[in-house]
Amino acid sequence: MLTLLALAAMLFAGAIIMAVFTVVLTALKFSLKIVLVPLKLLLVPLLAILVIVKVVAVVVVVVFVAAILIPLAIVIGLAALPFVIAATVS
């Protein structure tokens, strides 16, 4: 009977230790969030600037590709025009 009582006491002590561990981890997580809020507020504008720069770079690449492809399409169309006229006459 004493062995069963000792087992119950050990299980109770383990449950207490797990509860304390959970409370400590929750408090640590909350305090870490509170500490990191100023860093987050400092990094959000930098992140916004990086996103804006990335969007501008993508737009520049698209405009560059369009600037190359549109005259190329015009030249190809002018080169194909005699063939198109010959095909419609026949």
PDB file of N, CA and C in Angstrom:
ATOM      1  N   MET A   1       0.812  -1.181   0.000  1.00  0.00           N
ATOM      2  CA  MET A   1       0.000   0.000   0.000  1.00  0.00           C
ATOM      3  C   MET A   1       0.870   1.265   0.000  1.00  0.00           C
ATOM      4  N   LEU A   2       2.005   1.172   0.723  1.00  0.00           N
ATOM      5  CA  LEU A   2       2.914   2.308   0.763  1.00  0.00           C
ATOM      6  C   LEU A   2       3.509   2.574  -0.622  1.00  0.00           C
ATOM      7  N   THR A   3       3.739   1.515  -1.399  1.00  0.00           N
ATOM      8  CA  THR A   3       4.281   1.659  -2.746  1.00  0.00           C
ATOM      9  C   THR A   3       3.280   2.386  -3.644  1.00  0.00           C
ATOM     10  N   LEU A   4       2.009   2.042  -3.523  1.00  0.00           N
ATOM     11  CA  LEU A   4       0.967   2.700  -4.307  1.00  0.00           C
ATOM     12  C   LEU A   4       0.856   4.176  -3.920  1.00  0.00           C
ATOM     13  N   LEU A   5       0.978   4.477  -2.651  1.00  0.00           N
ATOM     14  CA  LEU A   5       0.946   5.859  -2.188  1.00  0.00           C
ATOM     15  C   LEU A   5       2.162   6.639  -2.695  1.00  0.00           C
ATOM     16  N   ALA A   6       3.329   5.995  -2.727  1.00  0.00           N
ATOM     17  CA  ALA A   6       4.533   6.645  -3.240  1.00  0.00           C
ATOM     18  C   ALA A   6       4.400   6.911  -4.741  1.00  0.00           C
ATOM     19  N   LEU A   7       3.799   5.960  -5.479  1.00  0.00           N
ATOM     20  CA  LEU A   7       3.584   6.153  -6.913  1.00  0.00           C
ATOM     21  C   LEU A   7       2.635   7.326  -7.164  1.00  0.00           C
ATOM     22  N   ALA A   8       1.572   7.422  -6.382  1.00  0.00           N
ATOM     23  CA  ALA A   8       0.630   8.521  -6.533  1.00  0.00           C
ATOM     24  C   ALA A   8       1.301   9.856  -6.207  1.00  0.00           C
ATOM     25  N   ALA A   9       2.155   9.870  -5.194  1.00  0.00           N
ATOM     26  CA  ALA A   9       2.865  11.100  -4.831  1.00  0.00           C
ATOM     27  C   ALA A   9       3.815  11.523  -5.945  1.00  0.00           C
ATOM     28  N   MET A  10       4.499  10.543  -6.564  1.00  0.00           N
ATOM     29  CA  MET A  10       5.411  10.870  -7.666  1.00  0.00           C
ATOM     30  C   MET A  10       4.637  11.390  -8.872  1.00  0.00           C
ATOM     31  N   LEU A  11       3.497  10.778  -9.167  1.00  0.00           N
ATOM     32  CA  LEU A  11       2.686  11.261 -10.282  1.00  0.00           C
ATOM     33  C   LEU A  11       2.167  12.676 -10.016  1.00  0.00           C
ATOM     34  N   PHE A  12       1.759  12.936  -8.780  1.00  0.00           N
ATOM     35  CA  PHE A  12       1.287  14.264  -8.415  1.00  0.00           C
ATOM     36  C   PHE A  12       2.421  15.286  -8.537  1.00  0.00           C
ATOM     37  N   ALA A  13       3.613  14.905  -8.083  1.00  0.00           N
ATOM     38  CA  ALA A  13       4.763  15.809  -8.187  1.00  0.00           C
ATOM     39  C   ALA A  13       5.111  16.075  -9.648  1.00  0.00           C
ATOM     40  N   GLY A  14       5.021  15.037 -10.485  1.00  0.00           N
ATOM     41  CA  GLY A  14       5.270  15.229 -11.914  1.00  0.00           C
ATOM     42  C   GLY A  14       4.250  16.162 -12.548  1.00  0.00           C
ATOM     43  N   ALA A  15       2.986  16.023 -12.155  1.00  0.00           N
ATOM     44  CA  ALA A  15       1.951  16.907 -12.690  1.00  0.00           C
ATOM     45  C   ALA A  15       2.189  18.346 -12.261  1.00  0.00           C
ATOM     46  N   ILE A  16       2.609  18.537 -11.001  1.00  0.00           N
ATOM     47  CA  ILE A  16       2.914  19.886 -10.510  1.00  0.00           C
ATOM     48  C   ILE A  16       4.088  20.471 -11.289  1.00  0.00           C
ATOM     49  N   ILE A  17       5.103  19.673 -11.508  1.00  0.00           N
ATOM     50  CA  ILE A  17       6.283  20.144 -12.245  1.00  0.00           C
ATOM     51  C   ILE A  17       5.903  20.522 -13.677  1.00  0.00           C
ATOM     52  N   MET A  18       5.069  19.716 -14.341  1.00  0.00           N
ATOM     53  CA  MET A  18       4.630  20.021 -15.703  1.00  0.00           C
ATOM     54  C   MET A  18       3.797  21.307 -15.733  1.00  0.00           C
ATOM     55  N   ALA A  19       2.951  21.501 -14.731  1.00  0.00           N
ATOM     56  CA  ALA A  19       2.137  22.722 -14.681  1.00  0.00           C
ATOM     57  C   ALA A  19       3.021  23.954 -14.500  1.00  0.00           C
ATOM     58  N   VAL A  20       3.986  23.863 -13.602  1.00  0.00           N
ATOM     59  CA  VAL A  20       4.902  24.984 -13.384  1.00  0.00           C
ATOM     60  C   VAL A  20       5.706  25.263 -14.645  1.00  0.00           C
ATOM     61  N   PHE A  21       6.165  24.215 -15.312  1.00  0.00           N
ATOM     62  CA  PHE A  21       6.929  24.358 -16.556  1.00  0.00           C
ATOM     63  C   PHE A  21       6.086  25.060 -17.624  1.00  0.00           C
ATOM     64  N   THR A  22       4.812  24.680 -17.719  1.00  0.00           N
ATOM     65  CA  THR A  22       3.924  25.294 -18.705  1.00  0.00           C
ATOM     66  C   THR A  22       3.694  26.770 -18.386  1.00  0.00           C
ATOM     67  N   VAL A  23       3.492  27.084 -17.125  1.00  0.00           N
ATOM     68  CA  VAL A  23       3.282  28.482 -16.738  1.00  0.00           C
ATOM     69  C   VAL A  23       4.536  29.307 -17.013  1.00  0.00           C
ATOM     70  N   VAL A  24       5.701  28.758 -16.728  1.00  0.00           N
ATOM     71  CA  VAL A  24       6.952  29.478 -16.961  1.00  0.00           C
ATOM     72  C   VAL A  24       7.158  29.716 -18.453  1.00  0.00           C
ATOM     73  N   LEU A  25       6.885  28.694 -19.273  1.00  0.00           N
ATOM     74  CA  LEU A  25       7.046  28.871 -20.716  1.00  0.00           C
ATOM     75  C   LEU A  25       6.059  29.900 -21.266  1.00  0.00           C
ATOM     76  N   THR A  26       4.840  29.895 -20.782  1.00  0.00           N
ATOM     77  CA  THR A  26       3.854  30.877 -21.233  1.00  0.00           C
ATOM     78  C   THR A  26       4.281  32.284 -20.840  1.00  0.00           C
ATOM     79  N   ALA A  27       4.764  32.453 -19.631  1.00  0.00           N
ATOM     80  CA  ALA A  27       5.226  33.773 -19.182  1.00  0.00           C
ATOM     81  C   ALA A  27       6.437  34.222 -19.999  1.00  0.00           C
ATOM     82  N   LEU A  28       7.337  33.294 -20.286  1.00  0.00           N
ATOM     83  CA  LEU A  28       8.514  33.627 -21.086  1.00  0.00           C
ATOM     84  C   LEU A  28       8.112  34.038 -22.493  1.00  0.00           C
ATOM     85  N   LYS A  29       7.166  33.312 -23.073  1.00  0.00           N
ATOM     86  CA  LYS A  29       6.703  33.645 -24.415  1.00  0.00           C
ATOM     87  C   LYS A  29       6.052  35.021 -24.444  1.00  0.00           C
ATOM     88  N   PHE A  30       5.231  35.315 -23.453  1.00  0.00           N
ATOM     89  CA  PHE A  30       4.563  36.613 -23.390  1.00  0.00           C
ATOM     90  C   PHE A  30       5.572  37.741 -23.204  1.00  0.00           C
ATOM     91  N   SER A  31       6.535  37.542 -22.312  1.00  0.00           N
ATOM     92  CA  SER A  31       7.529  38.593 -22.081  1.00  0.00           C
ATOM     93  C   SER A  31       8.413  38.786 -23.308  1.00  0.00           C
ATOM     94  N   LEU A  32       8.704  37.705 -24.030  1.00  0.00           N
ATOM     95  CA  LEU A  32       9.497  37.833 -25.247  1.00  0.00           C
ATOM     96  C   LEU A  32       8.727  38.603 -26.315  1.00  0.00           C
ATOM     97  N   LYS A  33       7.422  38.374 -26.387  1.00  0.00           N
ATOM     98  CA  LYS A  33       6.614  39.141 -27.334  1.00  0.00           C
ATOM     99  C   LYS A  33       6.618  40.618 -26.974  1.00  0.00           C
ATOM    100  N   ILE A  34       6.506  40.926 -25.702  1.00  0.00           N
ATOM    101  CA  ILE A  34       6.507  42.320 -25.265  1.00  0.00           C
ATOM    102  C   ILE A  34       7.847  42.980 -25.571  1.00  0.00           C
ATOM    103  N   VAL A  35       8.937  42.253 -25.414  1.00  0.00           N
ATOM    104  CA  VAL A  35      10.266  42.810 -25.667  1.00  0.00           C
ATOM    105  C   VAL A  35      10.487  43.032 -27.157  1.00  0.00           C
ATOM    106  N   LEU A  36       9.940  42.149 -27.995  1.00  0.00           N
ATOM    107  CA  LEU A  36      10.203  42.240 -29.427  1.00  0.00           C
ATOM    108  C   LEU A  36       9.279  43.202 -30.167  1.00  0.00           C
ATOM    109  N   VAL A  37       8.277  43.769 -29.514  1.00  0.00           N
ATOM    110  CA  VAL A  37       7.376  44.705 -30.190  1.00  0.00           C
ATOM    111  C   VAL A  37       8.129  45.934 -30.716  1.00  0.00           C
ATOM    112  N   PRO A  38       9.029  46.560 -29.958  1.00  0.00           N
ATOM    113  CA  PRO A  38       9.756  47.708 -30.533  1.00  0.00           C
ATOM    114  C   PRO A  38      10.606  47.321 -31.746  1.00  0.00           C
ATOM    115  N   LEU A  39      11.197  46.141 -31.723  1.00  0.00           N
ATOM    116  CA  LEU A  39      11.970  45.703 -32.891  1.00  0.00           C
ATOM    117  C   LEU A  39      11.069  45.513 -34.099  1.00  0.00           C
ATOM    118  N   LYS A  40       9.882  44.957 -33.855  1.00  0.00           N
ATOM    119  CA  LYS A  40       8.943  44.777 -34.944  1.00  0.00           C
ATOM    120  C   LYS A  40       8.530  46.126 -35.522  1.00  0.00           C
ATOM    121  N   LEU A  41       8.301  47.105 -34.645  1.00  0.00           N
ATOM    122  CA  LEU A  41       7.918  48.428 -35.115  1.00  0.00           C
ATOM    123  C   LEU A  41       9.048  49.102 -35.891  1.00  0.00           C
ATOM    124  N   LEU A  42      10.279  48.760 -35.579  1.00  0.00           N
ATOM    125  CA  LEU A  42      11.403  49.317 -36.333  1.00  0.00           C
ATOM    126  C   LEU A  42      11.581  48.621 -37.682  1.00  0.00           C
ATOM    127  N   LEU A  43      11.276  47.338 -37.741  1.00  0.00           N
ATOM    128  CA  LEU A  43      11.534  46.590 -38.966  1.00  0.00           C
ATOM    129  C   LEU A  43      10.410  46.664 -39.992  1.00  0.00           C
ATOM    130  N   VAL A  44       9.208  47.025 -39.577  1.00  0.00           N
ATOM    131  CA  VAL A  44       8.094  47.084 -40.523  1.00  0.00           C
ATOM    132  C   VAL A  44       8.332  48.128 -41.619  1.00  0.00           C
ATOM    133  N   PRO A  45       8.791  49.341 -41.318  1.00  0.00           N
ATOM    134  CA  PRO A  45       9.062  50.280 -42.415  1.00  0.00           C
ATOM    135  C   PRO A  45      10.176  49.807 -43.346  1.00  0.00           C
ATOM    136  N   LEU A  46      11.185  49.168 -42.798  1.00  0.00           N
ATOM    137  CA  LEU A  46      12.253  48.637 -43.654  1.00  0.00           C
ATOM    138  C   LEU A  46      11.723  47.549 -44.578  1.00  0.00           C
ATOM    139  N   LEU A  47      10.858  46.701 -44.046  1.00  0.00           N
ATOM    140  CA  LEU A  47      10.252  45.662 -44.857  1.00  0.00           C
ATOM    141  C   LEU A  47       9.375  46.267 -45.947  1.00  0.00           C
ATOM    142  N   ALA A  48       8.655  47.331 -45.617  1.00  0.00           N
ATOM    143  CA  ALA A  48       7.819  48.004 -46.615  1.00  0.00           C
ATOM    144  C   ALA A  48       8.679  48.596 -47.730  1.00  0.00           C
ATOM    145  N   ILE A  49       9.805  49.180 -47.367  1.00  0.00           N
ATOM    146  CA  ILE A  49      10.704  49.747 -48.378  1.00  0.00           C
ATOM    147  C   ILE A  49      11.247  48.639 -49.277  1.00  0.00           C
ATOM    148  N   LEU A  50      11.613  47.504 -48.693  1.00  0.00           N
ATOM    149  CA  LEU A  50      12.117  46.390 -49.503  1.00  0.00           C
ATOM    150  C   LEU A  50      11.053  45.868 -50.456  1.00  0.00           C
ATOM    151  N   VAL A  51       9.821  45.789 -50.003  1.00  0.00           N
ATOM    152  CA  VAL A  51       8.745  45.322 -50.880  1.00  0.00           C
ATOM    153  C   VAL A  51       8.515  46.306 -52.020  1.00  0.00           C
ATOM    154  N   ILE A  52       8.540  47.596 -51.715  1.00  0.00           N
ATOM    155  CA  ILE A  52       8.360  48.606 -52.760  1.00  0.00           C
ATOM    156  C   ILE A  52       9.482  48.535 -53.785  1.00  0.00           C
ATOM    157  N   VAL A  53      10.715  48.366 -53.325  1.00  0.00           N
ATOM    158  CA  VAL A  53      11.854  48.256 -54.240  1.00  0.00           C
ATOM    159  C   VAL A  53      11.717  47.010 -55.108  1.00  0.00           C
ATOM    160  N   LYS A  54      11.241  45.917 -54.534  1.00  0.00           N
ATOM    161  CA  LYS A  54      11.076  44.683 -55.308  1.00  0.00           C
ATOM    162  C   LYS A  54       9.998  44.850 -56.376  1.00  0.00           C
ATOM    163  N   VAL A  55       8.890  45.499 -56.026  1.00  0.00           N
ATOM    164  CA  VAL A  55       7.824  45.731 -57.004  1.00  0.00           C
ATOM    165  C   VAL A  55       8.309  46.644 -58.120  1.00  0.00           C
ATOM    166  N   VAL A  56       9.062  47.671 -57.777  1.00  0.00           N
ATOM    167  CA  VAL A  56       9.604  48.580 -58.790  1.00  0.00           C
ATOM    168  C   VAL A  56      10.560  47.831 -59.716  1.00  0.00           C
ATOM    169  N   ALA A  57      11.375  46.935 -59.168  1.00  0.00           N
ATOM    170  CA  ALA A  57      12.300  46.168 -59.995  1.00  0.00           C
ATOM    171  C   ALA A  57      11.539  45.259 -60.965  1.00  0.00           C
ATOM    172  N   VAL A  58      10.464  44.637 -60.501  1.00  0.00           N
ATOM    173  CA  VAL A  58       9.669  43.778 -61.392  1.00  0.00           C
ATOM    174  C   VAL A  58       9.024  44.611 -62.500  1.00  0.00           C
ATOM    175  N   VAL A  59       8.511  45.783 -62.158  1.00  0.00           N
ATOM    176  CA  VAL A  59       7.906  46.654 -63.167  1.00  0.00           C
ATOM    177  C   VAL A  59       8.947  47.100 -64.191  1.00  0.00           C
ATOM    178  N   VAL A  60      10.146  47.405 -63.744  1.00  0.00           N
ATOM    179  CA  VAL A  60      11.213  47.816 -64.652  1.00  0.00           C
ATOM    180  C   VAL A  60      11.560  46.687 -65.611  1.00  0.00           C
ATOM    181  N   VAL A  61      11.627  45.465 -65.111  1.00  0.00           N
ATOM    182  CA  VAL A  61      11.940  44.330 -65.981  1.00  0.00           C
ATOM    183  C   VAL A  61      10.837  44.114 -67.011  1.00  0.00           C
ATOM    184  N   VAL A  62       9.573  44.233 -66.593  1.00  0.00           N
ATOM    185  CA  VAL A  62       8.457  44.055 -67.529  1.00  0.00           C
ATOM    186  C   VAL A  62       8.471  45.154 -68.595  1.00  0.00           C
ATOM    187  N   VAL A  63       8.736  46.381 -68.207  1.00  0.00           N
ATOM    188  CA  VAL A  63       8.803  47.474 -69.173  1.00  0.00           C
ATOM    189  C   VAL A  63       9.970  47.275 -70.133  1.00  0.00           C
ATOM    190  N   PHE A  64      11.091  46.793 -69.620  1.00  0.00           N
ATOM    191  CA  PHE A  64      12.247  46.537 -70.477  1.00  0.00           C
ATOM    192  C   PHE A  64      11.933  45.460 -71.509  1.00  0.00           C
ATOM    193  N   VAL A  65      11.295  44.382 -71.077  1.00  0.00           N
ATOM    194  CA  VAL A  65      10.938  43.307 -72.009  1.00  0.00           C
ATOM    195  C   VAL A  65       9.941  43.819 -73.045  1.00  0.00           C
ATOM    196  N   ALA A  66       8.979  44.619 -72.625  1.00  0.00           N
ATOM    197  CA  ALA A  66       8.013  45.181 -73.578  1.00  0.00           C
ATOM    198  C   ALA A  66       8.707  46.117 -74.559  1.00  0.00           C
ATOM    199  N   ALA A  67       9.680  46.896 -74.089  1.00  0.00           N
ATOM    200  CA  ALA A  67      10.398  47.816 -74.969  1.00  0.00           C
ATOM    201  C   ALA A  67      11.217  47.062 -76.007  1.00  0.00           C
ATOM    202  N   ILE A  68      11.634  45.862 -75.693  1.00  0.00           N
ATOM    203  CA  ILE A  68      12.385  45.050 -76.656  1.00  0.00           C
ATOM    204  C   ILE A  68      11.435  44.326 -77.603  1.00  0.00           C
ATOM    205  N   LEU A  69      10.350  43.781 -77.093  1.00  0.00           N
ATOM    206  CA  LEU A  69       9.473  42.936 -77.900  1.00  0.00           C
ATOM    207  C   LEU A  69       8.571  43.717 -78.850  1.00  0.00           C
ATOM    208  N   ILE A  70       8.134  44.910 -78.486  1.00  0.00           N
ATOM    209  CA  ILE A  70       7.222  45.659 -79.356  1.00  0.00           C
ATOM    210  C   ILE A  70       7.901  46.075 -80.664  1.00  0.00           C
ATOM    211  N   PRO A  71       9.080  46.674 -80.658  1.00  0.00           N
ATOM    212  CA  PRO A  71       9.725  46.971 -81.949  1.00  0.00           C
ATOM    213  C   PRO A  71      10.081  45.700 -82.743  1.00  0.00           C
ATOM    214  N   LEU A  72      10.426  44.650 -82.032  1.00  0.00           N
ATOM    215  CA  LEU A  72      10.726  43.390 -82.705  1.00  0.00           C
ATOM    216  C   LEU A  72       9.486  42.861 -83.427  1.00  0.00           C
ATOM    217  N   ALA A  73       8.328  42.976 -82.776  1.00  0.00           N
ATOM    218  CA  ALA A  73       7.081  42.539 -83.408  1.00  0.00           C
ATOM    219  C   ALA A  73       6.762  43.406 -84.624  1.00  0.00           C
ATOM    220  N   ILE A  74       7.050  44.702 -84.560  1.00  0.00           N
ATOM    221  CA  ILE A  74       6.807  45.586 -85.704  1.00  0.00           C
ATOM    222  C   ILE A  74       7.710  45.213 -86.876  1.00  0.00           C
ATOM    223  N   VAL A  75       8.977  44.947 -86.589  1.00  0.00           N
ATOM    224  CA  VAL A  75       9.918  44.567 -87.654  1.00  0.00           C
ATOM    225  C   VAL A  75       9.501  43.242 -88.284  1.00  0.00           C
ATOM    226  N   ILE A  76       9.100  42.272 -87.472  1.00  0.00           N
ATOM    227  CA  ILE A  76       8.650  40.984 -88.007  1.00  0.00           C
ATOM    228  C   ILE A  76       7.388  41.165 -88.854  1.00  0.00           C
ATOM    229  N   GLY A  77       6.488  42.031 -88.388  1.00  0.00           N
ATOM    230  CA  GLY A  77       5.274  42.309 -89.167  1.00  0.00           C
ATOM    231  C   GLY A  77       5.582  42.963 -90.495  1.00  0.00           C
ATOM    232  N   LEU A  78       6.540  43.908 -90.507  1.00  0.00           N
ATOM    233  CA  LEU A  78       6.922  44.557 -91.762  1.00  0.00           C
ATOM    234  C   LEU A  78       7.613  43.568 -92.705  1.00  0.00           C
ATOM    235  N   ALA A  79       8.397  42.652 -92.141  1.00  0.00           N
ATOM    236  CA  ALA A  79       9.060  41.660 -92.990  1.00  0.00           C
ATOM    237  C   ALA A  79       8.060  40.660 -93.559  1.00  0.00           C
ATOM    238  N   ALA A  80       6.978  40.382 -92.832  1.00  0.00           N
ATOM    239  CA  ALA A  80       5.993  39.406 -93.294  1.00  0.00           C
ATOM    240  C   ALA A  80       4.929  40.026 -94.177  1.00  0.00           C
ATOM    241  N   LEU A  81       4.880  41.351 -94.269  1.00  0.00           N
ATOM    242  CA  LEU A  81       3.812  42.035 -95.023  1.00  0.00           C
ATOM    243  C   LEU A  81       3.778  41.667 -96.503  1.00  0.00           C
ATOM    244  N   PRO A  82       4.916  41.589 -97.198  1.00  0.00           N
ATOM    245  CA  PRO A  82       4.834  41.191 -98.616  1.00  0.00           C
ATOM    246  C   PRO A  82       4.257  39.772 -98.794  1.00  0.00           C
ATOM    247  N   PHE A  83       4.572  38.882 -97.894  1.00  0.00           N
ATOM    248  CA  PHE A  83       4.039  37.519 -97.996  1.00  0.00           C
ATOM    249  C   PHE A  83       2.539  37.494 -97.757  1.00  0.00           C
ATOM    250  N   VAL A  84       2.086  38.326 -96.829  1.00  0.00           N
ATOM    251  CA  VAL A  84       0.645  38.393 -96.539  1.00  0.00           C
ATOM    252  C   VAL A  84      -0.097  38.973 -97.748  1.00  0.00           C
ATOM    253  N   ILE A  85       0.463  40.006 -98.371  1.00  0.00           N
ATOM    254  CA  ILE A  85      -0.171  40.603 -99.545  1.00  0.00           C
ATOM    255  C   ILE A  85      -0.187  39.599-100.697  1.00  0.00           C
ATOM    256  N   ALA A  86       0.918  38.876-100.864  1.00  0.00           N
ATOM    257  CA  ALA A  86       0.961  37.867-101.938  1.00  0.00           C
ATOM    258  C   ALA A  86      -0.028  36.751-101.685  1.00  0.00           C
ATOM    259  N   ALA A  87      -0.250  36.388-100.452  1.00  0.00           N
ATOM    260  CA  ALA A  87      -1.184  35.307-100.129  1.00  0.00           C
ATOM    261  C   ALA A  87      -2.630  35.754-100.377  1.00  0.00           C
ATOM    262  N   THR A  88      -2.926  37.031-100.182  1.00  0.00           N
ATOM    263  CA  THR A  88      -4.293  37.495-100.391  1.00  0.00           C
ATOM    264  C   THR A  88      -4.607  37.705-101.875  1.00  0.00           C
ATOM    265  N   VAL A  89      -3.618  38.010-102.695  1.00  0.00           N
ATOM    266  CA  VAL A  89      -3.820  38.217-104.129  1.00  0.00           C
ATOM    267  C   VAL A  89      -4.122  36.899-104.806  1.00  0.00           C
ATOM    268  N   SER A  90      -3.441  35.845-104.432  1.00  0.00           N
ATOM    269  CA  SER A  90      -3.619  34.539-105.108  1.00  0.00           C
ATOM    270  C   SER A  90      -4.930  33.910-104.803  1.00  0.00           C
TER     271      SER A  90
END
